[in-house]
Amino acid sequence: MNKLLIAAVAGALSMSGMLATTSALAADAATATTAKKAVAKRPAPARRLIKRKPSTEAKAAAKVDPIPDGSTKWSCNEGLAFYLKGDMKRDQIVTVNWAKKDYQLPRQATTTGADRFHDSATGLDLVVIPSKAMLFSDKDEARLADECKTAEMAASGAPAPTQANELIKNVK
């Protein structure tokens, strides 16, 4: 009988605990709903911080590479020009500043005797023959600049400072 009485008391206590938990959960849900309503009714702040996009002028100024020191200007047809830094007679990589951006162009072997500097990553291709230089783009398969000459080449008709011309001078 004592066991039965203890079981009844334990059952009654667990039922009252369960009812208290259920009512507490219901009260929490009701408070959360009113809290959400209170947050929704809160007025907007007086000042909002707006992140402004940089102007196109600032973007353009940020992307401009300076012309490398010691570079030579090559003037081309249609008023175009590029700057070349490096010695085409001996360097394996030259720097070309074209359209306000620097490109590192490694030397490519040729069978024609022309000096060719090509970067497959950017698609820029510089071909120099004794009478002129030409700049190509692999990306859109276009000739970017043609009939490019240094000031010395234009004034006196001197050949381009290519590796092939240097080899010919050394053979004679």
Protein backbone atom coordinates (compact mmCIF):
# COMPACT_ATOMS: atom_id res chain seq x y z
CA MET A 1 0.00 0.00 0.00
CA ASN A 2 2.86 2.38 0.78
CA LYS A 3 4.27 1.67 -2.62
CA LEU A 4 0.98 2.50 -4.23
CA LEU A 5 0.73 5.76 -2.32
CA ILE A 6 4.26 6.78 -3.31
CA ALA A 7 3.52 6.01 -6.96
CA ALA A 8 0.35 8.14 -6.86
CA VAL A 9 2.19 11.10 -5.32
CA ALA A 10 5.00 10.82 -7.88
CA GLY A 11 2.44 10.72 -10.70
CA ALA A 12 0.65 13.78 -9.38
CA LEU A 13 3.90 15.72 -9.04
CA SER A 14 5.03 14.82 -12.56
CA MET A 15 1.67 15.89 -13.99
CA SER A 16 1.84 19.24 -12.23
CA GLY A 17 5.43 19.72 -13.43
CA MET A 18 4.40 18.94 -16.98
CA LEU A 19 1.54 21.42 -16.84
CA ALA A 20 3.84 24.11 -15.45
CA THR A 21 6.40 23.51 -18.23
CA THR A 22 3.72 23.69 -20.93
CA SER A 23 2.31 26.94 -19.55
CA ALA A 24 5.84 28.39 -19.27
CA LEU A 25 6.56 27.51 -22.91
CA ALA A 26 3.27 29.08 -23.97
CA ALA A 27 4.12 32.21 -22.01
CA ASP A 28 7.58 32.39 -23.64
CA ALA A 29 6.00 32.07 -27.10
CA ALA A 30 3.54 34.83 -26.30
CA THR A 31 6.33 37.11 -25.05
CA ALA A 32 8.42 36.41 -28.15
CA THR A 33 5.49 37.32 -30.40
CA THR A 34 4.90 40.61 -28.58
CA ALA A 35 8.65 41.31 -28.65
CA LYS A 36 8.68 40.82 -32.43
CA LYS A 37 5.74 43.18 -32.77
CA ALA A 38 7.54 45.72 -30.62
CA VAL A 39 10.67 45.48 -32.76
CA ALA A 40 8.64 45.85 -35.94
CA LYS A 41 6.97 49.00 -34.60
CA ARG A 42 10.29 50.61 -33.69
CA PRO A 43 10.94 53.68 -35.90
CA ALA A 44 13.80 53.69 -38.40
CA PRO A 45 17.02 55.38 -37.29
CA ALA A 46 17.30 59.06 -38.06
CA ARG A 47 20.51 58.66 -40.12
CA ARG A 48 21.44 55.66 -42.18
CA LEU A 49 24.98 54.90 -43.20
CA ILE A 50 25.15 54.45 -46.94
CA LYS A 51 28.23 52.99 -48.53
CA ARG A 52 28.87 54.85 -51.71
CA LYS A 53 30.47 53.20 -54.69
CA PRO A 54 33.71 54.83 -55.84
CA SER A 55 33.35 56.99 -58.91
CA THR A 56 34.52 55.72 -62.29
CA GLU A 57 37.29 58.32 -62.25
CA ALA A 58 38.66 56.90 -59.00
CA LYS A 59 38.50 53.38 -60.42
CA ALA A 60 40.33 54.45 -63.58
CA ALA A 61 43.02 56.24 -61.57
CA ALA A 62 43.53 53.16 -59.43
CA LYS A 63 44.17 50.90 -62.44
CA VAL A 64 46.74 53.08 -64.19
CA ASP A 65 50.28 51.69 -64.11
CA PRO A 66 53.00 54.32 -64.25
CA ILE A 67 55.33 54.23 -67.24
CA PRO A 68 58.42 52.28 -66.16
CA ASP A 69 61.60 54.31 -65.66
CA GLY A 70 64.10 53.96 -68.49
CA SER A 71 61.50 52.86 -71.02
CA THR A 72 61.51 53.84 -74.70
CA LYS A 73 58.48 55.30 -76.43
CA TRP A 74 57.41 53.57 -79.63
CA SER A 75 55.05 55.80 -81.67
CA CYS A 76 52.61 54.01 -83.95
CA ASN A 77 50.08 54.78 -86.66
CA GLU A 78 46.80 56.45 -85.72
CA GLY A 79 48.44 58.33 -82.83
CA LEU A 80 48.94 55.21 -80.73
CA ALA A 81 52.05 54.50 -78.67
CA PHE A 82 53.49 52.02 -76.21
CA TYR A 83 56.50 52.10 -73.92
CA LEU A 84 59.09 49.35 -73.89
CA LYS A 85 61.49 48.71 -71.03
CA GLY A 86 64.27 46.24 -71.53
CA ASP A 87 66.99 45.42 -74.03
CA MET A 88 65.55 43.44 -76.92
CA LYS A 89 69.07 42.39 -77.91
CA ARG A 90 69.62 40.33 -74.76
CA ASP A 91 66.69 40.32 -72.30
CA GLN A 92 64.42 37.31 -72.07
CA ILE A 93 61.55 39.36 -70.62
CA VAL A 94 60.61 42.92 -71.55
CA THR A 95 58.00 45.20 -70.01
CA VAL A 96 55.46 46.78 -72.34
CA ASN A 97 53.23 49.58 -71.06
CA TRP A 98 50.16 49.53 -73.29
CA ALA A 99 46.81 51.19 -72.56
CA LYS A 100 48.07 52.38 -69.16
CA LYS A 101 48.91 48.85 -68.01
CA ASP A 102 52.23 47.00 -67.70
CA TYR A 103 52.72 43.62 -69.34
CA GLN A 104 55.69 41.31 -68.76
CA LEU A 105 56.35 39.63 -72.12
CA PRO A 106 58.75 36.68 -72.32
CA ARG A 107 60.82 36.13 -75.47
CA GLN A 108 59.58 33.49 -77.91
CA ALA A 109 61.86 31.62 -80.30
CA THR A 110 61.22 32.30 -83.99
CA THR A 111 62.59 30.94 -87.24
CA THR A 112 62.07 34.17 -89.19
CA GLY A 113 64.63 36.32 -87.37
CA ALA A 114 61.97 38.62 -85.93
CA ASP A 115 61.99 39.31 -82.20
CA ARG A 116 58.75 38.07 -80.67
CA PHE A 117 57.63 38.65 -77.10
CA HIS A 118 54.37 36.93 -76.18
CA ASP A 119 52.44 36.42 -72.96
CA SER A 120 49.79 33.73 -73.34
CA ALA A 121 48.07 34.70 -70.07
CA THR A 122 47.22 38.23 -71.24
CA GLY A 123 47.29 37.52 -74.98
CA LEU A 124 49.60 40.44 -75.74
CA ASP A 125 52.10 39.76 -78.54
CA LEU A 126 54.90 42.11 -79.62
CA VAL A 127 56.64 41.36 -82.92
CA VAL A 128 59.66 43.48 -83.90
CA ILE A 129 61.26 43.34 -87.33
CA PRO A 130 64.09 45.65 -88.46
CA SER A 131 61.75 48.25 -89.98
CA LYS A 132 58.94 48.38 -87.38
CA ALA A 133 57.17 46.83 -84.41
CA MET A 134 53.62 45.50 -84.25
CA LEU A 135 51.46 44.82 -81.22
CA PHE A 136 48.80 42.09 -81.39
CA SER A 137 46.11 40.72 -79.10
CA ASP A 138 45.36 37.00 -79.05
CA LYS A 139 42.13 37.58 -77.14
CA ASP A 140 40.26 39.33 -79.94
CA GLU A 141 42.66 38.40 -82.76
CA ALA A 142 43.37 42.02 -83.62
CA ARG A 143 46.39 44.14 -84.42
CA LEU A 144 46.42 46.75 -81.70
CA ALA A 145 49.22 48.92 -83.09
CA ASP A 146 51.14 48.92 -86.38
CA GLU A 147 54.13 50.75 -87.87
CA CYS A 148 55.57 51.44 -84.43
CA LYS A 149 58.99 53.11 -84.35
CA THR A 150 61.25 54.74 -81.83
CA ALA A 151 62.20 58.40 -82.29
CA GLU A 152 65.64 57.32 -83.54
CA MET A 153 64.14 54.95 -86.11
CA ALA A 154 61.74 57.61 -87.39
CA ALA A 155 64.40 60.35 -87.62
CA SER A 156 67.33 58.52 -89.18
CA GLY A 157 65.80 55.35 -90.58
CA ALA A 158 67.89 53.19 -88.24
CA PRO A 159 66.76 49.57 -87.84
CA ALA A 160 65.00 48.40 -84.72
CA PRO A 161 67.27 47.30 -81.86
CA THR A 162 66.53 43.60 -82.32
CA GLN A 163 68.52 40.53 -81.38
CA ALA A 164 68.77 39.48 -85.05
CA ASN A 165 70.36 42.81 -86.04
CA GLU A 166 72.87 42.49 -83.20
CA LEU A 167 73.85 38.99 -84.33
CA ILE A 168 74.37 40.19 -87.92
CA LYS A 169 76.71 42.97 -86.71
CA ASN A 170 78.75 40.49 -84.66
CA VAL A 171 79.14 38.06 -87.59
CA LYS A 172 80.62 40.66 -89.94
